[in-house]
Amino acid sequence: MTVSETPLVPVAAARAGAPYEHIDVEPWAPACGAVIRGVDLSGDLSDAVIAEIRRAILDHGVVFARGQSLTPAQQVAFSRRFGPYSPVPFVEPIADHPEVIAVVREASERQGFTFGGIWHSDFSFLAEPPMGSILHALEVPPFGGDTLWANQYLAFETLSPGLQHTLRDLRAVHSARDAYSPKMQAVHDQFVGMTVQTSDEANRVQTHPAVRVHEETGREALFVNAQYTLGFDGWWPHESKLLLDFLHAHATQPAFSCRWRWEVGDIAFWDNRCVQHMVIADVQGHRRAMHRTTVAGARPAGRG
């Protein structure tokens, strides 16, 4: 899948360490996450504002903004300030807005799982996984439905030097097989508020470095996840499982994570290159509805 669109205004991040002059940025948790204030994301934002938002994302992995109200067209326009849109495979977009998907859990749903309910980096099975994702809360339950993010820089940096060295030489095999292949259609049919069309295309595999070098920060991040990573190239499945089980538990531990309780109007914008995320499937009897746009990324690269 290729992306042909160009961003409206490609803006580089503000200089690292420079003071914020156009937005307020307050860290949300020690590991990752920050709240940005003083900006209406639905407006015609200057390059300087976009540059500072991008800097906040690079510094914190995920940023949150309260009290926003964006139409689908406004959300698309905001997303495109950071890069071309990344088409979303398997999930039907909303009417008249092909760049927007609705992430919905209806009040009638009772299943103990939900869309996005396994730790993952969005669509890591693509040759060029998304750089970032933007989620806008339209309707939220009075409690529950929180989302977690985990810092994958910390996940890698806290491993032993020996394991770091081993992982730098590995390529991980990613696939949508266990999420969007036809065997999963019965699962997706239980998502009343969403239309997901599984396909044999999901059985394809893609390899990426197990340790990704972030294109903008130059830092190394662990780049495997429980949803889409099947194993390591050249390893037997039982060998891969032992190491992946350890890495998944290590990478998503509370010390590396932040948790966001949603309010109507919230926006979260996260960097898929250095954080994983998941939603908690604990909502019943209440509707949870979000709009999501996705910013295109580049092919992951390692040190080699």
C-alpha atoms as a PDB file:
ATOM      1  CA  MET A   1       0.000   0.000   0.000  1.00  0.00           C
ATOM      2  CA  THR A   2       1.385   3.363  -0.966  1.00  0.00           C
ATOM      3  CA  VAL A   3       0.502   6.857   0.123  1.00  0.00           C
ATOM      4  CA  SER A   4       0.294   9.446  -2.640  1.00  0.00           C
ATOM      5  CA  GLU A   5      -1.150  12.431  -0.806  1.00  0.00           C
ATOM      6  CA  THR A   6       1.131  15.219   0.323  1.00  0.00           C
ATOM      7  CA  PRO A   7       0.791  17.112   3.598  1.00  0.00           C
ATOM      8  CA  LEU A   8      -0.829  20.516   3.435  1.00  0.00           C
ATOM      9  CA  VAL A   9       2.143  22.172   5.123  1.00  0.00           C
ATOM     10  CA  PRO A  10       5.029  19.888   6.143  1.00  0.00           C
ATOM     11  CA  VAL A  11       6.405  21.420   9.324  1.00  0.00           C
ATOM     12  CA  ALA A  12       9.494  20.236  11.184  1.00  0.00           C
ATOM     13  CA  ALA A  13       9.462  20.007  14.969  1.00  0.00           C
ATOM     14  CA  ALA A  14      10.561  22.949  17.059  1.00  0.00           C
ATOM     15  CA  ARG A  15      14.140  22.752  18.305  1.00  0.00           C
ATOM     16  CA  ALA A  16      14.683  20.264  21.112  1.00  0.00           C
ATOM     17  CA  GLY A  17      14.985  21.995  24.461  1.00  0.00           C
ATOM     18  CA  ALA A  18      13.617  25.312  23.239  1.00  0.00           C
ATOM     19  CA  PRO A  19      10.934  26.913  25.437  1.00  0.00           C
ATOM     20  CA  TYR A  20       7.349  26.653  24.263  1.00  0.00           C
ATOM     21  CA  GLU A  21       6.095  30.057  23.151  1.00  0.00           C
ATOM     22  CA  HIS A  22       2.703  29.203  21.630  1.00  0.00           C
ATOM     23  CA  ILE A  23       1.330  26.294  23.693  1.00  0.00           C
ATOM     24  CA  ASP A  24       1.539  25.115  27.294  1.00  0.00           C
ATOM     25  CA  VAL A  25       2.871  21.585  27.808  1.00  0.00           C
ATOM     26  CA  GLU A  26       2.463  19.759  31.114  1.00  0.00           C
ATOM     27  CA  PRO A  27       3.780  16.200  31.589  1.00  0.00           C
ATOM     28  CA  TRP A  28       1.014  13.725  32.418  1.00  0.00           C
ATOM     29  CA  ALA A  29       3.087  10.794  33.678  1.00  0.00           C
ATOM     30  CA  PRO A  30       6.813  10.200  34.236  1.00  0.00           C
ATOM     31  CA  ALA A  31       7.135   7.614  31.457  1.00  0.00           C
ATOM     32  CA  CYS A  32       5.158   9.280  28.673  1.00  0.00           C
ATOM     33  CA  GLY A  33       2.273  11.603  27.933  1.00  0.00           C
ATOM     34  CA  ALA A  34       1.734  15.346  28.210  1.00  0.00           C
ATOM     35  CA  VAL A  35      -1.262  17.676  28.180  1.00  0.00           C
ATOM     36  CA  ILE A  36      -1.144  20.625  25.784  1.00  0.00           C
ATOM     37  CA  ARG A  37      -3.195  23.745  26.443  1.00  0.00           C
ATOM     38  CA  GLY A  38      -3.751  27.141  24.915  1.00  0.00           C
ATOM     39  CA  VAL A  39      -4.637  26.015  21.406  1.00  0.00           C
ATOM     40  CA  ASP A  40      -7.818  25.331  19.434  1.00  0.00           C
ATOM     41  CA  LEU A  41      -6.937  22.435  17.144  1.00  0.00           C
ATOM     42  CA  SER A  42      -9.899  23.125  14.870  1.00  0.00           C
ATOM     43  CA  GLY A  43      -8.454  26.464  13.761  1.00  0.00           C
ATOM     44  CA  ASP A  44      -6.022  27.575  11.088  1.00  0.00           C
ATOM     45  CA  LEU A  45      -2.843  26.951  13.072  1.00  0.00           C
ATOM     46  CA  SER A  46       0.444  28.646  12.277  1.00  0.00           C
ATOM     47  CA  ASP A  47       3.553  26.693  11.396  1.00  0.00           C
ATOM     48  CA  ALA A  48       5.053  27.732  14.737  1.00  0.00           C
ATOM     49  CA  VAL A  49       2.184  26.139  16.660  1.00  0.00           C
ATOM     50  CA  ILE A  50       2.368  22.930  14.608  1.00  0.00           C
ATOM     51  CA  ALA A  51       6.135  22.791  15.161  1.00  0.00           C
ATOM     52  CA  GLU A  52       5.652  23.006  18.930  1.00  0.00           C
ATOM     53  CA  ILE A  53       2.939  20.336  18.949  1.00  0.00           C
ATOM     54  CA  ARG A  54       5.256  18.064  16.968  1.00  0.00           C
ATOM     55  CA  ARG A  55       8.056  18.772  19.462  1.00  0.00           C
ATOM     56  CA  ALA A  56       5.749  17.853  22.346  1.00  0.00           C
ATOM     57  CA  ILE A  57       4.878  14.570  20.642  1.00  0.00           C
ATOM     58  CA  LEU A  58       8.558  13.770  20.091  1.00  0.00           C
ATOM     59  CA  ASP A  59       9.366  14.567  23.717  1.00  0.00           C
ATOM     60  CA  HIS A  60       6.442  12.739  25.328  1.00  0.00           C
ATOM     61  CA  GLY A  61       5.284  10.054  22.881  1.00  0.00           C
ATOM     62  CA  VAL A  62       1.623  11.008  23.237  1.00  0.00           C
ATOM     63  CA  VAL A  63      -0.064  14.353  23.863  1.00  0.00           C
ATOM     64  CA  PHE A  64      -3.589  15.128  25.014  1.00  0.00           C
ATOM     65  CA  ALA A  65      -5.771  18.197  24.504  1.00  0.00           C
ATOM     66  CA  ARG A  66      -9.008  18.763  26.408  1.00  0.00           C
ATOM     67  CA  GLY A  67     -12.119  20.627  25.281  1.00  0.00           C
ATOM     68  CA  GLN A  68     -11.666  20.319  21.514  1.00  0.00           C
ATOM     69  CA  SER A  69     -14.479  20.231  18.951  1.00  0.00           C
ATOM     70  CA  LEU A  70     -13.458  19.179  15.447  1.00  0.00           C
ATOM     71  CA  THR A  71     -15.615  18.187  12.536  1.00  0.00           C
ATOM     72  CA  PRO A  72     -14.278  15.277  10.481  1.00  0.00           C
ATOM     73  CA  ALA A  73     -13.004  17.763   7.872  1.00  0.00           C
ATOM     74  CA  GLN A  74     -11.228  19.804  10.544  1.00  0.00           C
ATOM     75  CA  GLN A  75      -9.641  16.700  12.028  1.00  0.00           C
ATOM     76  CA  VAL A  76      -8.379  15.704   8.586  1.00  0.00           C
ATOM     77  CA  ALA A  77      -6.956  19.182   8.025  1.00  0.00           C
ATOM     78  CA  PHE A  78      -5.172  19.078  11.389  1.00  0.00           C
ATOM     79  CA  SER A  79      -3.775  15.599  10.695  1.00  0.00           C
ATOM     80  CA  ARG A  80      -2.479  16.608   7.296  1.00  0.00           C
ATOM     81  CA  ARG A  81      -0.347  19.340   8.862  1.00  0.00           C
ATOM     82  CA  PHE A  82       1.874  16.515  10.144  1.00  0.00           C
ATOM     83  CA  GLY A  83       2.056  14.452   6.968  1.00  0.00           C
ATOM     84  CA  PRO A  84       0.021  12.581   4.349  1.00  0.00           C
ATOM     85  CA  TYR A  85      -2.812  10.427   5.539  1.00  0.00           C
ATOM     86  CA  SER A  86      -2.207   6.710   5.879  1.00  0.00           C
ATOM     87  CA  PRO A  87      -5.037   4.565   4.503  1.00  0.00           C
ATOM     88  CA  VAL A  88      -6.564   2.278   7.138  1.00  0.00           C
ATOM     89  CA  PRO A  89      -6.806  -1.325   5.931  1.00  0.00           C
ATOM     90  CA  PHE A  90      -9.811  -3.527   6.714  1.00  0.00           C
ATOM     91  CA  VAL A  91     -11.834  -0.844   8.562  1.00  0.00           C
ATOM     92  CA  GLU A  92     -14.584   1.020   6.696  1.00  0.00           C
ATOM     93  CA  PRO A  93     -14.265   4.824   6.966  1.00  0.00           C
ATOM     94  CA  ILE A  94     -17.167   7.103   7.815  1.00  0.00           C
ATOM     95  CA  ALA A  95     -19.410   8.406   5.045  1.00  0.00           C
ATOM     96  CA  ASP A  96     -17.940  11.205   2.910  1.00  0.00           C
ATOM     97  CA  HIS A  97     -14.630  11.187   4.797  1.00  0.00           C
ATOM     98  CA  PRO A  98     -12.315   8.405   3.577  1.00  0.00           C
ATOM     99  CA  GLU A  99      -9.516   9.533   5.911  1.00  0.00           C
ATOM    100  CA  VAL A 100     -11.607   9.115   9.085  1.00  0.00           C
ATOM    101  CA  ILE A 101     -12.651   5.916  10.826  1.00  0.00           C
ATOM    102  CA  ALA A 102     -15.105   5.686  13.702  1.00  0.00           C
ATOM    103  CA  VAL A 103     -13.976   3.656  16.705  1.00  0.00           C
ATOM    104  CA  VAL A 104     -17.245   2.787  18.407  1.00  0.00           C
ATOM    105  CA  ARG A 105     -18.417   0.480  21.163  1.00  0.00           C
ATOM    106  CA  GLU A 106     -22.201   0.522  21.417  1.00  0.00           C
ATOM    107  CA  ALA A 107     -24.018   0.395  24.744  1.00  0.00           C
ATOM    108  CA  SER A 108     -25.532  -2.943  23.729  1.00  0.00           C
ATOM    109  CA  GLU A 109     -22.162  -4.691  23.374  1.00  0.00           C
ATOM    110  CA  ARG A 110     -21.375  -7.171  26.138  1.00  0.00           C
ATOM    111  CA  GLN A 111     -18.325  -9.039  24.819  1.00  0.00           C
ATOM    112  CA  GLY A 112     -15.247  -8.942  27.012  1.00  0.00           C
ATOM    113  CA  PHE A 113     -13.010  -7.631  24.244  1.00  0.00           C
ATOM    114  CA  THR A 114     -13.004  -4.495  22.133  1.00  0.00           C
ATOM    115  CA  PHE A 115     -11.422  -2.960  19.049  1.00  0.00           C
ATOM    116  CA  GLY A 116      -7.834  -2.006  19.925  1.00  0.00           C
ATOM    117  CA  GLY A 117      -7.919  -4.010  23.139  1.00  0.00           C
ATOM    118  CA  ILE A 118      -4.509  -5.701  22.709  1.00  0.00           C
ATOM    119  CA  TRP A 119      -1.198  -3.853  23.074  1.00  0.00           C
ATOM    120  CA  HIS A 120      -0.038  -2.750  19.636  1.00  0.00           C
ATOM    121  CA  SER A 121       1.582  -0.143  17.416  1.00  0.00           C
ATOM    122  CA  ASP A 122      -0.927   0.752  14.728  1.00  0.00           C
ATOM    123  CA  PHE A 123      -0.645  -1.393  11.617  1.00  0.00           C
ATOM    124  CA  SER A 124       2.963  -2.432  12.201  1.00  0.00           C
ATOM    125  CA  PHE A 125       2.273  -5.146   9.609  1.00  0.00           C
ATOM    126  CA  LEU A 126       2.489  -2.547   6.820  1.00  0.00           C
ATOM    127  CA  ALA A 127       5.705  -1.887   4.919  1.00  0.00           C
ATOM    128  CA  GLU A 128       5.378   1.742   6.032  1.00  0.00           C
ATOM    129  CA  PRO A 129       3.468   1.773   9.326  1.00  0.00           C
ATOM    130  CA  PRO A 130       1.773   5.028  10.370  1.00  0.00           C
ATOM    131  CA  MET A 131       3.869   7.731  11.993  1.00  0.00           C
ATOM    132  CA  GLY A 132       1.038   8.812  14.249  1.00  0.00           C
ATOM    133  CA  SER A 133      -2.630   8.445  15.108  1.00  0.00           C
ATOM    134  CA  ILE A 134      -5.128  11.064  16.272  1.00  0.00           C
ATOM    135  CA  LEU A 135      -8.193  10.092  18.284  1.00  0.00           C
ATOM    136  CA  HIS A 136     -11.020  12.543  19.022  1.00  0.00           C
ATOM    137  CA  ALA A 137     -13.562  11.658  21.721  1.00  0.00           C
ATOM    138  CA  LEU A 138     -17.161  12.330  20.663  1.00  0.00           C
ATOM    139  CA  GLU A 139     -19.038  10.263  23.235  1.00  0.00           C
ATOM    140  CA  VAL A 140     -17.587   8.608  26.330  1.00  0.00           C
ATOM    141  CA  PRO A 141     -18.930   6.460  29.170  1.00  0.00           C
ATOM    142  CA  PRO A 142     -19.163   7.934  32.670  1.00  0.00           C
ATOM    143  CA  PHE A 143     -16.374   5.577  33.677  1.00  0.00           C
ATOM    144  CA  GLY A 144     -14.220   2.959  31.949  1.00  0.00           C
ATOM    145  CA  GLY A 145     -12.871   2.794  28.435  1.00  0.00           C
ATOM    146  CA  ASP A 146      -9.526   4.337  29.375  1.00  0.00           C
ATOM    147  CA  THR A 147      -6.565   4.033  27.014  1.00  0.00           C
ATOM    148  CA  LEU A 148      -3.000   3.092  27.972  1.00  0.00           C
ATOM    149  CA  TRP A 149       0.248   4.014  26.243  1.00  0.00           C
ATOM    150  CA  ALA A 150       3.705   2.555  26.900  1.00  0.00           C
ATOM    151  CA  ASN A 151       7.089   4.134  26.146  1.00  0.00           C
ATOM    152  CA  GLN A 152       9.158   1.841  23.920  1.00  0.00           C
ATOM    153  CA  TYR A 153      12.331   3.891  24.324  1.00  0.00           C
ATOM    154  CA  LEU A 154      12.285   2.935  28.000  1.00  0.00           C
ATOM    155  CA  ALA A 155      11.375  -0.632  27.097  1.00  0.00           C
ATOM    156  CA  PHE A 156      14.590  -0.940  25.103  1.00  0.00           C
ATOM    157  CA  GLU A 157      16.886   1.186  27.249  1.00  0.00           C
ATOM    158  CA  THR A 158      16.152  -0.806  30.417  1.00  0.00           C
ATOM    159  CA  LEU A 159      17.133  -4.148  28.881  1.00  0.00           C
ATOM    160  CA  SER A 160      20.577  -5.561  29.570  1.00  0.00           C
ATOM    161  CA  PRO A 161      23.367  -4.543  27.185  1.00  0.00           C
ATOM    162  CA  GLY A 162      23.603  -8.165  26.071  1.00  0.00           C
ATOM    163  CA  LEU A 163      19.940  -8.422  25.123  1.00  0.00           C
ATOM    164  CA  GLN A 164      20.060  -4.999  23.472  1.00  0.00           C
ATOM    165  CA  HIS A 165      22.933  -6.222  21.313  1.00  0.00           C
ATOM    166  CA  THR A 166      21.009  -9.381  20.371  1.00  0.00           C
ATOM    167  CA  LEU A 167      17.839  -7.512  19.487  1.00  0.00           C
ATOM    168  CA  ARG A 168      19.638  -4.991  17.274  1.00  0.00           C
ATOM    169  CA  ASP A 169      20.534  -7.860  14.934  1.00  0.00           C
ATOM    170  CA  LEU A 170      17.003  -9.289  14.750  1.00  0.00           C
ATOM    171  CA  ARG A 171      14.179  -8.676  12.335  1.00  0.00           C
ATOM    172  CA  ALA A 172      10.662  -9.208  13.614  1.00  0.00           C
ATOM    173  CA  VAL A 173       7.926 -10.723  11.472  1.00  0.00           C
ATOM    174  CA  HIS A 174       4.651  -8.753  11.552  1.00  0.00           C
ATOM    175  CA  SER A 175       1.264  -9.746  10.157  1.00  0.00           C
ATOM    176  CA  ALA A 176      -2.411  -8.859  10.483  1.00  0.00           C
ATOM    177  CA  ARG A 177      -3.224 -12.594  10.414  1.00  0.00           C
ATOM    178  CA  ASP A 178      -4.529 -12.784  13.978  1.00  0.00           C
ATOM    179  CA  ALA A 179      -6.472  -9.532  13.713  1.00  0.00           C
ATOM    180  CA  TYR A 180      -7.964  -9.197  10.226  1.00  0.00           C
ATOM    181  CA  SER A 181      -7.781 -12.540   8.406  1.00  0.00           C
ATOM    182  CA  PRO A 182     -11.121 -14.243   7.594  1.00  0.00           C
ATOM    183  CA  LYS A 183     -10.870 -16.472  10.668  1.00  0.00           C
ATOM    184  CA  MET A 184     -11.399 -13.284  12.729  1.00  0.00           C
ATOM    185  CA  GLN A 185     -14.579 -12.076  10.978  1.00  0.00           C
ATOM    186  CA  ALA A 186     -16.877 -13.548  13.635  1.00  0.00           C
ATOM    187  CA  VAL A 187     -15.026 -11.506  16.247  1.00  0.00           C
ATOM    188  CA  HIS A 188     -15.359  -8.247  14.308  1.00  0.00           C
ATOM    189  CA  ASP A 189     -19.039  -8.894  13.626  1.00  0.00           C
ATOM    190  CA  GLN A 190     -19.646  -8.342  17.334  1.00  0.00           C
ATOM    191  CA  PHE A 191     -18.518  -4.711  17.010  1.00  0.00           C
ATOM    192  CA  VAL A 192     -21.985  -3.309  16.368  1.00  0.00           C
ATOM    193  CA  GLY A 193     -20.876   0.273  15.721  1.00  0.00           C
ATOM    194  CA  MET A 194     -18.038  -0.520  13.302  1.00  0.00           C
ATOM    195  CA  THR A 195     -17.659  -2.282   9.961  1.00  0.00           C
ATOM    196  CA  VAL A 196     -14.535  -4.393   9.641  1.00  0.00           C
ATOM    197  CA  GLN A 197     -14.021  -6.489   6.520  1.00  0.00           C
ATOM    198  CA  THR A 198     -11.437  -9.206   6.990  1.00  0.00           C
ATOM    199  CA  SER A 199      -9.437 -10.462   4.018  1.00  0.00           C
ATOM    200  CA  ASP A 200      -6.818 -13.003   3.016  1.00  0.00           C
ATOM    201  CA  GLU A 201      -4.572  -9.971   2.480  1.00  0.00           C
ATOM    202  CA  ALA A 202      -4.100 -10.042   6.244  1.00  0.00           C
ATOM    203  CA  ASN A 203      -2.084 -13.262   5.978  1.00  0.00           C
ATOM    204  CA  ARG A 204       0.806 -11.438   4.345  1.00  0.00           C
ATOM    205  CA  VAL A 205       3.923 -10.882   6.442  1.00  0.00           C
ATOM    206  CA  GLN A 206       6.318  -7.955   6.714  1.00  0.00           C
ATOM    207  CA  THR A 207       9.654  -7.840   8.508  1.00  0.00           C
ATOM    208  CA  HIS A 208      10.962  -4.843  10.439  1.00  0.00           C
ATOM    209  CA  PRO A 209      13.931  -4.286  12.740  1.00  0.00           C
ATOM    210  CA  ALA A 210      13.147  -5.462  16.266  1.00  0.00           C
ATOM    211  CA  VAL A 211      14.815  -2.241  17.419  1.00  0.00           C
ATOM    212  CA  ARG A 212      13.683   0.813  15.501  1.00  0.00           C
ATOM    213  CA  VAL A 213      15.710   3.993  15.189  1.00  0.00           C
ATOM    214  CA  HIS A 214      13.311   6.913  15.362  1.00  0.00           C
ATOM    215  CA  GLU A 215      13.670   9.054  12.236  1.00  0.00           C
ATOM    216  CA  GLU A 216      13.390  12.355  14.091  1.00  0.00           C
ATOM    217  CA  THR A 217      14.937  11.760  17.507  1.00  0.00           C
ATOM    218  CA  GLY A 218      17.592   9.191  16.600  1.00  0.00           C
ATOM    219  CA  ARG A 219      16.700   7.164  19.700  1.00  0.00           C
ATOM    220  CA  GLU A 220      16.246   3.397  19.672  1.00  0.00           C
ATOM    221  CA  ALA A 221      12.852   1.925  20.532  1.00  0.00           C
ATOM    222  CA  LEU A 222      11.671  -1.645  20.864  1.00  0.00           C
ATOM    223  CA  PHE A 223       9.426  -2.375  17.879  1.00  0.00           C
ATOM    224  CA  VAL A 224       7.487  -5.579  18.583  1.00  0.00           C
ATOM    225  CA  ASN A 225       3.930  -5.900  19.855  1.00  0.00           C
ATOM    226  CA  ALA A 226       1.505  -8.580  21.007  1.00  0.00           C
ATOM    227  CA  GLN A 227      -1.125  -7.913  18.328  1.00  0.00           C
ATOM    228  CA  TYR A 228       0.909  -8.055  15.142  1.00  0.00           C
ATOM    229  CA  THR A 229       4.360  -9.568  15.801  1.00  0.00           C
ATOM    230  CA  LEU A 230       4.452 -13.284  14.986  1.00  0.00           C
ATOM    231  CA  GLY A 231       8.110 -14.029  15.671  1.00  0.00           C
ATOM    232  CA  PHE A 232      11.679 -13.354  14.596  1.00  0.00           C
ATOM    233  CA  ASP A 233      13.008 -13.961  11.111  1.00  0.00           C
ATOM    234  CA  GLY A 234      15.024 -17.184  11.039  1.00  0.00           C
ATOM    235  CA  TRP A 235      13.801 -18.410  14.442  1.00  0.00           C
ATOM    236  CA  TRP A 236      11.563 -21.390  15.186  1.00  0.00           C
ATOM    237  CA  PRO A 237       8.127 -20.389  16.512  1.00  0.00           C
ATOM    238  CA  HIS A 238       8.738 -21.837  19.979  1.00  0.00           C
ATOM    239  CA  GLU A 239      12.003 -19.888  20.245  1.00  0.00           C
ATOM    240  CA  SER A 240      10.324 -16.655  19.182  1.00  0.00           C
ATOM    241  CA  LYS A 241       7.489 -17.164  21.648  1.00  0.00           C
ATOM    242  CA  LEU A 242       9.827 -17.362  24.638  1.00  0.00           C
ATOM    243  CA  LEU A 243      11.514 -14.066  23.823  1.00  0.00           C
ATOM    244  CA  LEU A 244       8.358 -12.285  22.658  1.00  0.00           C
ATOM    245  CA  ASP A 245       6.442 -13.237  25.799  1.00  0.00           C
ATOM    246  CA  PHE A 246       9.202 -11.692  27.888  1.00  0.00           C
ATOM    247  CA  LEU A 247       9.437  -8.562  25.738  1.00  0.00           C
ATOM    248  CA  HIS A 248       5.676  -7.973  25.685  1.00  0.00           C
ATOM    249  CA  ALA A 249       5.458  -8.172  29.474  1.00  0.00           C
ATOM    250  CA  HIS A 250       8.551  -6.024  29.914  1.00  0.00           C
ATOM    251  CA  ALA A 251       7.554  -3.365  27.381  1.00  0.00           C
ATOM    252  CA  THR A 252       4.080  -2.695  28.757  1.00  0.00           C
ATOM    253  CA  GLN A 253       4.790  -2.637  32.478  1.00  0.00           C
ATOM    254  CA  PRO A 254       3.158   0.156  34.507  1.00  0.00           C
ATOM    255  CA  ALA A 255       6.442   1.989  35.063  1.00  0.00           C
ATOM    256  CA  PHE A 256       6.689   2.638  31.307  1.00  0.00           C
ATOM    257  CA  SER A 257       3.036   3.597  30.862  1.00  0.00           C
ATOM    258  CA  CYS A 258       0.435   6.327  31.191  1.00  0.00           C
ATOM    259  CA  ARG A 259      -3.341   6.045  31.408  1.00  0.00           C
ATOM    260  CA  TRP A 260      -5.883   8.508  30.040  1.00  0.00           C
ATOM    261  CA  ARG A 261      -9.458   8.830  31.247  1.00  0.00           C
ATOM    262  CA  TRP A 262     -11.457  10.283  28.383  1.00  0.00           C
ATOM    263  CA  GLU A 263     -13.798  13.260  28.406  1.00  0.00           C
ATOM    264  CA  VAL A 264     -15.920  14.461  25.499  1.00  0.00           C
ATOM    265  CA  GLY A 265     -13.797  16.722  23.304  1.00  0.00           C
ATOM    266  CA  ASP A 266     -10.459  15.146  24.202  1.00  0.00           C
ATOM    267  CA  ILE A 267      -7.865  14.572  21.525  1.00  0.00           C
ATOM    268  CA  ALA A 268      -4.930  12.183  21.830  1.00  0.00           C
ATOM    269  CA  PHE A 269      -2.109  12.270  19.297  1.00  0.00           C
ATOM    270  CA  TRP A 270       0.549   9.583  19.628  1.00  0.00           C
ATOM    271  CA  ASP A 271       3.756   8.547  17.912  1.00  0.00           C
ATOM    272  CA  ASN A 272       3.490   4.935  16.741  1.00  0.00           C
ATOM    273  CA  ARG A 273       7.259   4.811  16.267  1.00  0.00           C
ATOM    274  CA  CYS A 274       8.000   4.884  19.989  1.00  0.00           C
ATOM    275  CA  VAL A 275       4.842   4.007  21.930  1.00  0.00           C
ATOM    276  CA  GLN A 276       2.388   1.144  22.036  1.00  0.00           C
ATOM    277  CA  HIS A 277      -1.205   1.530  23.175  1.00  0.00           C
ATOM    278  CA  MET A 278      -4.362  -0.374  24.047  1.00  0.00           C
ATOM    279  CA  VAL A 279      -7.898   0.429  25.185  1.00  0.00           C
ATOM    280  CA  ILE A 280      -9.334  -1.257  28.261  1.00  0.00           C
ATOM    281  CA  ALA A 281     -12.382  -3.357  27.406  1.00  0.00           C
ATOM    282  CA  ASP A 282     -14.356  -2.620  30.559  1.00  0.00           C
ATOM    283  CA  VAL A 283     -17.302  -0.642  29.164  1.00  0.00           C
ATOM    284  CA  GLN A 284     -20.840  -2.065  29.221  1.00  0.00           C
ATOM    285  CA  GLY A 285     -24.152  -0.288  29.051  1.00  0.00           C
ATOM    286  CA  HIS A 286     -22.660   2.957  27.729  1.00  0.00           C
ATOM    287  CA  ARG A 287     -21.623   4.158  24.279  1.00  0.00           C
ATOM    288  CA  ARG A 288     -18.019   5.081  23.505  1.00  0.00           C
ATOM    289  CA  ALA A 289     -17.457   6.798  20.136  1.00  0.00           C
ATOM    290  CA  MET A 290     -14.279   8.293  18.661  1.00  0.00           C
ATOM    291  CA  HIS A 291     -13.054   9.554  15.301  1.00  0.00           C
ATOM    292  CA  ARG A 292      -9.555   8.570  14.273  1.00  0.00           C
ATOM    293  CA  THR A 293      -7.224   9.867  11.595  1.00  0.00           C
ATOM    294  CA  THR A 294      -3.818   8.393  10.797  1.00  0.00           C
ATOM    295  CA  VAL A 295      -0.625  10.105   9.634  1.00  0.00           C
ATOM    296  CA  ALA A 296       1.606   8.216   7.201  1.00  0.00           C
ATOM    297  CA  GLY A 297       5.062   7.041   8.221  1.00  0.00           C
ATOM    298  CA  ALA A 298       8.246   5.663   6.708  1.00  0.00           C
ATOM    299  CA  ARG A 299       9.735   2.195   6.481  1.00  0.00           C
ATOM    300  CA  PRO A 300      11.279   1.404   9.899  1.00  0.00           C
ATOM    301  CA  ALA A 301      15.066   1.352  10.004  1.00  0.00           C
ATOM    302  CA  GLY A 302      17.528  -0.087  12.482  1.00  0.00           C
ATOM    303  CA  ARG A 303      21.180   0.666  13.215  1.00  0.00           C
ATOM    304  CA  GLY A 304      22.427  -1.657  10.496  1.00  0.00           C
END
